[in-house]
Amino acid sequence: MFVHLFYIYVCYVFNSSLGVLLCLYYLNTSKFPVIKYLINISVLYITYLLIYVRFCS
């Protein structure tokens, strides 16, 4: 169930402008800690927006 929700979430992300950054994050997780930090912040923000739109609109 969690994996299924994760793939749905990935689809949402790849439909946004952060899809390319997400690819960079998975390819270079250990090489670019700054990018990793920025992506973590971005993912949290996107998650918040998705939850807000789904349950608060």
PDB file of N, CA and C in Angstrom:
ATOM      1  N   MET A   1       0.832  -1.196   0.000  1.00  0.00           N
ATOM      2  CA  MET A   1       0.000   0.000   0.000  1.00  0.00           C
ATOM      3  C   MET A   1       0.873   1.255   0.000  1.00  0.00           C
ATOM      4  N   PHE A   2       1.886   1.252   0.881  1.00  0.00           N
ATOM      5  CA  PHE A   2       2.779   2.408   0.957  1.00  0.00           C
ATOM      6  C   PHE A   2       3.522   2.613  -0.351  1.00  0.00           C
ATOM      7  N   VAL A   3       3.978   1.524  -0.955  1.00  0.00           N
ATOM      8  CA  VAL A   3       4.704   1.625  -2.221  1.00  0.00           C
ATOM      9  C   VAL A   3       3.794   2.182  -3.303  1.00  0.00           C
ATOM     10  N   HIS A   4       2.530   1.740  -3.307  1.00  0.00           N
ATOM     11  CA  HIS A   4       1.570   2.234  -4.293  1.00  0.00           C
ATOM     12  C   HIS A   4       1.378   3.740  -4.141  1.00  0.00           C
ATOM     13  N   LEU A   5       1.216   4.202  -2.915  1.00  0.00           N
ATOM     14  CA  LEU A   5       1.065   5.634  -2.666  1.00  0.00           C
ATOM     15  C   LEU A   5       2.326   6.386  -3.055  1.00  0.00           C
ATOM     16  N   PHE A   6       3.486   5.742  -2.833  1.00  0.00           N
ATOM     17  CA  PHE A   6       4.750   6.377  -3.203  1.00  0.00           C
ATOM     18  C   PHE A   6       4.826   6.601  -4.706  1.00  0.00           C
ATOM     19  N   TYR A   7       4.393   5.607  -5.492  1.00  0.00           N
ATOM     20  CA  TYR A   7       4.435   5.768  -6.942  1.00  0.00           C
ATOM     21  C   TYR A   7       3.464   6.848  -7.411  1.00  0.00           C
ATOM     22  N   ILE A   8       2.307   6.936  -6.781  1.00  0.00           N
ATOM     23  CA  ILE A   8       1.371   8.014  -7.110  1.00  0.00           C
ATOM     24  C   ILE A   8       2.016   9.366  -6.809  1.00  0.00           C
ATOM     25  N   TYR A   9       2.707   9.437  -5.667  1.00  0.00           N
ATOM     26  CA  TYR A   9       3.386  10.672  -5.283  1.00  0.00           C
ATOM     27  C   TYR A   9       4.469  11.033  -6.291  1.00  0.00           C
ATOM     28  N   VAL A  10       5.228  10.030  -6.738  1.00  0.00           N
ATOM     29  CA  VAL A  10       6.270  10.271  -7.735  1.00  0.00           C
ATOM     30  C   VAL A  10       5.659  10.818  -9.020  1.00  0.00           C
ATOM     31  N   CYS A  11       4.506  10.296  -9.403  1.00  0.00           N
ATOM     32  CA  CYS A  11       3.825  10.803 -10.600  1.00  0.00           C
ATOM     33  C   CYS A  11       3.491  12.282 -10.434  1.00  0.00           C
ATOM     34  N   TYR A  12       2.988  12.652  -9.273  1.00  0.00           N
ATOM     35  CA  TYR A  12       2.687  14.062  -9.018  1.00  0.00           C
ATOM     36  C   TYR A  12       3.939  14.913  -9.160  1.00  0.00           C
ATOM     37  N   VAL A  13       5.047  14.431  -8.584  1.00  0.00           N
ATOM     38  CA  VAL A  13       6.283  15.209  -8.610  1.00  0.00           C
ATOM     39  C   VAL A  13       6.804  15.353 -10.027  1.00  0.00           C
ATOM     40  N   PHE A  14       6.765  14.235 -10.801  1.00  0.00           N
ATOM     41  CA  PHE A  14       7.297  14.297 -12.152  1.00  0.00           C
ATOM     42  C   PHE A  14       6.428  15.142 -13.070  1.00  0.00           C
ATOM     43  N   ASN A  15       5.181  15.376 -12.684  1.00  0.00           N
ATOM     44  CA  ASN A  15       4.329  16.266 -13.461  1.00  0.00           C
ATOM     45  C   ASN A  15       4.602  17.728 -13.122  1.00  0.00           C
ATOM     46  N   SER A  16       5.454  17.959 -12.142  1.00  0.00           N
ATOM     47  CA  SER A  16       5.792  19.329 -11.758  1.00  0.00           C
ATOM     48  C   SER A  16       7.173  19.692 -12.279  1.00  0.00           C
ATOM     49  N   SER A  17       7.578  20.901 -11.968  1.00  0.00           N
ATOM     50  CA  SER A  17       8.874  21.379 -12.455  1.00  0.00           C
ATOM     51  C   SER A  17      10.041  20.785 -11.681  1.00  0.00           C
ATOM     52  N   LEU A  18       9.757  20.058 -10.587  1.00  0.00           N
ATOM     53  CA  LEU A  18      10.822  19.495  -9.766  1.00  0.00           C
ATOM     54  C   LEU A  18      11.204  18.081 -10.185  1.00  0.00           C
ATOM     55  N   GLY A  19      10.584  17.587 -11.254  1.00  0.00           N
ATOM     56  CA  GLY A  19      10.885  16.230 -11.700  1.00  0.00           C
ATOM     57  C   GLY A  19      12.352  16.021 -12.016  1.00  0.00           C
ATOM     58  N   VAL A  20      12.948  16.982 -12.717  1.00  0.00           N
ATOM     59  CA  VAL A  20      14.365  16.875 -13.077  1.00  0.00           C
ATOM     60  C   VAL A  20      15.239  16.906 -11.830  1.00  0.00           C
ATOM     61  N   LEU A  21      14.894  17.780 -10.885  1.00  0.00           N
ATOM     62  CA  LEU A  21      15.662  17.852  -9.642  1.00  0.00           C
ATOM     63  C   LEU A  21      15.548  16.555  -8.856  1.00  0.00           C
ATOM     64  N   LEU A  22      14.376  15.925  -8.914  1.00  0.00           N
ATOM     65  CA  LEU A  22      14.204  14.648  -8.228  1.00  0.00           C
ATOM     66  C   LEU A  22      15.118  13.592  -8.820  1.00  0.00           C
ATOM     67  N   CYS A  23      15.253  13.588 -10.144  1.00  0.00           N
ATOM     68  CA  CYS A  23      16.174  12.658 -10.804  1.00  0.00           C
ATOM     69  C   CYS A  23      17.600  12.896 -10.321  1.00  0.00           C
ATOM     70  N   LEU A  24      17.997  14.168 -10.265  1.00  0.00           N
ATOM     71  CA  LEU A  24      19.341  14.494  -9.791  1.00  0.00           C
ATOM     72  C   LEU A  24      19.537  14.040  -8.351  1.00  0.00           C
ATOM     73  N   TYR A  25      18.476  14.181  -7.556  1.00  0.00           N
ATOM     74  CA  TYR A  25      18.559  13.769  -6.157  1.00  0.00           C
ATOM     75  C   TYR A  25      18.856  12.276  -6.032  1.00  0.00           C
ATOM     76  N   TYR A  26      18.152  11.457  -6.795  1.00  0.00           N
ATOM     77  CA  TYR A  26      18.364  10.012  -6.702  1.00  0.00           C
ATOM     78  C   TYR A  26      19.686   9.581  -7.325  1.00  0.00           C
ATOM     79  N   LEU A  27      20.155  10.317  -8.334  1.00  0.00           N
ATOM     80  CA  LEU A  27      21.409   9.942  -8.987  1.00  0.00           C
ATOM     81  C   LEU A  27      22.627  10.400  -8.195  1.00  0.00           C
ATOM     82  N   ASN A  28      22.493  11.486  -7.448  1.00  0.00           N
ATOM     83  CA  ASN A  28      23.659  12.097  -6.804  1.00  0.00           C
ATOM     84  C   ASN A  28      23.454  12.336  -5.306  1.00  0.00           C
ATOM     85  N   THR A  29      22.743  11.416  -4.654  1.00  0.00           N
ATOM     86  CA  THR A  29      22.414  11.617  -3.243  1.00  0.00           C
ATOM     87  C   THR A  29      23.660  11.795  -2.391  1.00  0.00           C
ATOM     88  N   SER A  30      24.657  10.961  -2.616  1.00  0.00           N
ATOM     89  CA  SER A  30      25.833  10.989  -1.754  1.00  0.00           C
ATOM     90  C   SER A  30      26.884  11.998  -2.212  1.00  0.00           C
ATOM     91  N   LYS A  31      26.731  12.536  -3.426  1.00  0.00           N
ATOM     92  CA  LYS A  31      27.751  13.427  -3.975  1.00  0.00           C
ATOM     93  C   LYS A  31      27.453  14.901  -3.713  1.00  0.00           C
ATOM     94  N   PHE A  32      26.162  15.244  -3.631  1.00  0.00           N
ATOM     95  CA  PHE A  32      25.790  16.651  -3.491  1.00  0.00           C
ATOM     96  C   PHE A  32      24.842  16.832  -2.307  1.00  0.00           C
ATOM     97  N   PRO A  33      25.393  16.927  -1.084  1.00  0.00           N
ATOM     98  CA  PRO A  33      24.531  17.065   0.098  1.00  0.00           C
ATOM     99  C   PRO A  33      23.694  18.338   0.083  1.00  0.00           C
ATOM    100  N   VAL A  34      24.186  19.396  -0.591  1.00  0.00           N
ATOM    101  CA  VAL A  34      23.408  20.634  -0.663  1.00  0.00           C
ATOM    102  C   VAL A  34      22.148  20.415  -1.488  1.00  0.00           C
ATOM    103  N   ILE A  35      22.301  19.733  -2.641  1.00  0.00           N
ATOM    104  CA  ILE A  35      21.142  19.418  -3.475  1.00  0.00           C
ATOM    105  C   ILE A  35      20.177  18.528  -2.698  1.00  0.00           C
ATOM    106  N   LYS A  36      20.737  17.565  -1.959  1.00  0.00           N
ATOM    107  CA  LYS A  36      19.893  16.675  -1.163  1.00  0.00           C
ATOM    108  C   LYS A  36      19.068  17.473  -0.156  1.00  0.00           C
ATOM    109  N   TYR A  37      19.702  18.434   0.487  1.00  0.00           N
ATOM    110  CA  TYR A  37      19.001  19.258   1.467  1.00  0.00           C
ATOM    111  C   TYR A  37      17.875  20.054   0.811  1.00  0.00           C
ATOM    112  N   LEU A  38      18.173  20.680  -0.327  1.00  0.00           N
ATOM    113  CA  LEU A  38      17.169  21.484  -1.026  1.00  0.00           C
ATOM    114  C   LEU A  38      16.001  20.628  -1.495  1.00  0.00           C
ATOM    115  N   ILE A  39      16.314  19.429  -1.995  1.00  0.00           N
ATOM    116  CA  ILE A  39      15.246  18.544  -2.458  1.00  0.00           C
ATOM    117  C   ILE A  39      14.385  18.084  -1.296  1.00  0.00           C
ATOM    118  N   ASN A  40      14.998  17.807  -0.152  1.00  0.00           N
ATOM    119  CA  ASN A  40      14.208  17.402   1.009  1.00  0.00           C
ATOM    120  C   ASN A  40      13.219  18.493   1.395  1.00  0.00           C
ATOM    121  N   ILE A  41      13.666  19.739   1.376  1.00  0.00           N
ATOM    122  CA  ILE A  41      12.772  20.859   1.677  1.00  0.00           C
ATOM    123  C   ILE A  41      11.661  20.944   0.632  1.00  0.00           C
ATOM    124  N   SER A  42      12.035  20.788  -0.644  1.00  0.00           N
ATOM    125  CA  SER A  42      11.054  20.881  -1.723  1.00  0.00           C
ATOM    126  C   SER A  42      10.019  19.771  -1.629  1.00  0.00           C
ATOM    127  N   VAL A  43      10.468  18.550  -1.314  1.00  0.00           N
ATOM    128  CA  VAL A  43       9.543  17.421  -1.202  1.00  0.00           C
ATOM    129  C   VAL A  43       8.572  17.637  -0.056  1.00  0.00           C
ATOM    130  N   LEU A  44       9.060  18.139   1.063  1.00  0.00           N
ATOM    131  CA  LEU A  44       8.172  18.428   2.185  1.00  0.00           C
ATOM    132  C   LEU A  44       7.139  19.478   1.797  1.00  0.00           C
ATOM    133  N   TYR A  45       7.568  20.491   1.062  1.00  0.00           N
ATOM    134  CA  TYR A  45       6.660  21.555   0.639  1.00  0.00           C
ATOM    135  C   TYR A  45       5.600  21.027  -0.316  1.00  0.00           C
ATOM    136  N   ILE A  46       6.022  20.203  -1.288  1.00  0.00           N
ATOM    137  CA  ILE A  46       5.075  19.621  -2.238  1.00  0.00           C
ATOM    138  C   ILE A  46       4.082  18.725  -1.510  1.00  0.00           C
ATOM    139  N   THR A  47       4.581  17.932  -0.560  1.00  0.00           N
ATOM    140  CA  THR A  47       3.698  17.057   0.204  1.00  0.00           C
ATOM    141  C   THR A  47       2.642  17.874   0.931  1.00  0.00           C
ATOM    142  N   TYR A  48       3.060  18.975   1.540  1.00  0.00           N
ATOM    143  CA  TYR A  48       2.125  19.850   2.234  1.00  0.00           C
ATOM    144  C   TYR A  48       1.073  20.391   1.275  1.00  0.00           C
ATOM    145  N   LEU A  49       1.505  20.834   0.096  1.00  0.00           N
ATOM    146  CA  LEU A  49       0.562  21.380  -0.880  1.00  0.00           C
ATOM    147  C   LEU A  49      -0.442  20.328  -1.332  1.00  0.00           C
ATOM    148  N   LEU A  50       0.041  19.107  -1.597  1.00  0.00           N
ATOM    149  CA  LEU A  50      -0.862  18.046  -2.044  1.00  0.00           C
ATOM    150  C   LEU A  50      -1.896  17.722  -0.976  1.00  0.00           C
ATOM    151  N   ILE A  51      -1.453  17.639   0.281  1.00  0.00           N
ATOM    152  CA  ILE A  51      -2.383  17.357   1.375  1.00  0.00           C
ATOM    153  C   ILE A  51      -3.381  18.495   1.523  1.00  0.00           C
ATOM    154  N   TYR A  52      -2.898  19.725   1.431  1.00  0.00           N
ATOM    155  CA  TYR A  52      -3.773  20.886   1.578  1.00  0.00           C
ATOM    156  C   TYR A  52      -4.826  20.916   0.477  1.00  0.00           C
ATOM    157  N   VAL A  53      -4.399  20.700  -0.769  1.00  0.00           N
ATOM    158  CA  VAL A  53      -5.326  20.750  -1.897  1.00  0.00           C
ATOM    159  C   VAL A  53      -6.354  19.632  -1.796  1.00  0.00           C
ATOM    160  N   ARG A  54      -5.915  18.450  -1.360  1.00  0.00           N
ATOM    161  CA  ARG A  54      -6.823  17.306  -1.335  1.00  0.00           C
ATOM    162  C   ARG A  54      -7.846  17.398  -0.206  1.00  0.00           C
ATOM    163  N   PHE A  55      -7.428  17.875   0.959  1.00  0.00           N
ATOM    164  CA  PHE A  55      -8.300  17.826   2.125  1.00  0.00           C
ATOM    165  C   PHE A  55      -8.859  19.176   2.548  1.00  0.00           C
ATOM    166  N   CYS A  56      -8.309  20.256   2.047  1.00  0.00           N
ATOM    167  CA  CYS A  56      -8.722  21.578   2.530  1.00  0.00           C
ATOM    168  C   CYS A  56      -9.397  22.433   1.459  1.00  0.00           C
ATOM    169  N   SER A  57      -9.587  21.872   0.271  1.00  0.00           N
ATOM    170  CA  SER A  57     -10.200  22.678  -0.780  1.00  0.00           C
ATOM    171  C   SER A  57     -11.625  22.215  -1.062  1.00  0.00           C
TER     172      SER A  57
END
